[in-house]
Amino acid sequence: MMMPKQMKAYCPKCRKHTEHKVKISTSKYKPGRTLSWGTRKHERKLAGYHGKVKGKAKVKKQGIRNKMMLECSVCKKKHERVISGRMKKKAETAK
């Protein structure tokens, strides 16, 4: 999916439509926090003498979301926009 290098879009800070620079960024699933209560509880159970602890369930892999970062040319404020829900074709800027 080809995206232009610059496009006119709404800026929430300026509160009007201005030219924006486009930068493509994709986001993947990130692992949970290591210091959260559930993770620490799971680690404690794995460390001691006991029966087997159930691990993570096998789930269907999710696709990667295509996102673009828009930077306003007037106020230099950056905000994010999701191009499509799940990735079918990887987004790239036009040359």
Protein backbone atom coordinates (compact mmCIF):
# COMPACT_ATOMS: atom_id res chain seq x y z
CA MET A 1 0.00 0.00 0.00
CA MET A 2 1.61 3.26 -1.13
CA MET A 3 1.19 6.39 1.02
CA PRO A 4 2.24 9.94 0.05
CA LYS A 5 5.18 11.62 1.83
CA GLN A 6 2.99 14.59 2.72
CA MET A 7 -0.77 14.83 3.09
CA LYS A 8 -3.38 17.25 4.31
CA ALA A 9 -5.00 16.08 7.55
CA TYR A 10 -6.71 17.42 10.66
CA CYS A 11 -4.39 18.56 13.46
CA PRO A 12 -6.01 18.34 16.93
CA LYS A 13 -3.64 20.98 18.36
CA CYS A 14 -4.10 23.60 15.59
CA ARG A 15 -7.75 22.48 15.24
CA LYS A 16 -7.65 22.81 11.47
CA HIS A 17 -6.56 20.92 8.36
CA THR A 18 -2.83 21.42 7.64
CA GLU A 19 -0.03 19.70 5.72
CA HIS A 20 1.46 16.74 7.60
CA LYS A 21 4.68 14.74 7.08
CA VAL A 22 3.96 11.00 6.91
CA LYS A 23 6.14 8.32 8.54
CA ILE A 24 5.07 4.65 8.43
CA SER A 25 5.30 2.60 11.62
CA THR A 26 3.91 -0.87 12.29
CA SER A 27 3.05 -2.18 15.73
CA LYS A 28 3.32 -5.74 17.00
CA TYR A 29 2.07 -7.51 20.13
CA LYS A 30 4.19 -6.51 23.11
CA PRO A 31 4.86 -8.84 26.05
CA GLY A 32 3.28 -8.09 29.44
CA ARG A 33 4.95 -6.29 32.33
CA THR A 34 7.46 -8.43 34.23
CA LEU A 35 6.62 -6.84 37.60
CA SER A 36 2.84 -7.27 37.36
CA TRP A 37 1.13 -9.34 40.07
CA GLY A 38 0.09 -12.22 37.83
CA THR A 39 3.54 -12.63 36.29
CA ARG A 40 5.25 -12.63 39.69
CA LYS A 41 2.74 -15.20 41.00
CA HIS A 42 3.39 -17.43 38.00
CA GLU A 43 7.18 -17.17 38.49
CA ARG A 44 6.83 -18.08 42.21
CA LYS A 45 4.82 -21.18 41.31
CA LEU A 46 7.41 -22.23 38.72
CA ALA A 47 10.23 -21.86 41.27
CA GLY A 48 8.80 -24.22 43.97
CA TYR A 49 8.03 -27.96 44.26
CA HIS A 50 4.57 -28.61 42.86
CA GLY A 51 2.66 -29.97 39.91
CA LYS A 52 2.92 -28.46 36.46
CA VAL A 53 1.63 -24.89 36.07
CA LYS A 54 -0.53 -24.24 33.03
CA GLY A 55 1.27 -22.03 30.52
CA LYS A 56 -0.15 -19.65 27.93
CA ALA A 57 -2.93 -21.01 25.72
CA LYS A 58 -2.22 -21.40 22.02
CA VAL A 59 -3.99 -18.61 20.22
CA LYS A 60 -4.37 -17.66 16.58
CA LYS A 61 -1.65 -15.20 15.61
CA GLN A 62 -2.83 -11.68 15.00
CA GLY A 63 -1.63 -9.64 12.07
CA ILE A 64 0.38 -6.46 12.42
CA ARG A 65 -1.40 -3.10 12.33
CA ASN A 66 -0.34 -0.59 9.71
CA LYS A 67 0.07 2.82 11.32
CA MET A 68 1.38 6.15 10.19
CA MET A 69 2.79 9.00 12.26
CA LEU A 70 1.59 12.39 11.09
CA GLU A 71 3.68 15.45 12.00
CA CYS A 72 2.00 18.83 11.58
CA SER A 73 4.06 21.31 9.53
CA VAL A 74 2.74 24.29 11.56
CA CYS A 75 2.96 23.22 15.24
CA LYS A 76 5.26 20.13 14.85
CA LYS A 77 2.81 18.04 16.93
CA LYS A 78 2.84 14.30 16.11
CA HIS A 79 -0.20 12.03 16.18
CA GLU A 80 -0.91 8.51 15.03
CA ARG A 81 -3.40 7.14 12.53
CA VAL A 82 -4.19 3.48 11.81
CA ILE A 83 -4.31 2.92 8.06
CA SER A 84 -6.05 -0.47 8.05
CA GLY A 85 -7.13 -2.79 10.87
CA ARG A 86 -4.86 -5.78 10.25
CA MET A 87 -2.08 -5.88 7.71
CA LYS A 88 -2.82 -7.26 4.28
CA LYS A 89 -0.16 -5.29 2.41
CA LYS A 90 2.65 -3.47 4.17
CA ALA A 91 2.39 0.31 3.90
CA GLU A 92 5.26 2.34 2.47
CA THR A 93 5.78 5.96 1.47
CA ALA A 94 5.95 6.94 -2.19
CA LYS A 95 9.40 7.67 -3.58
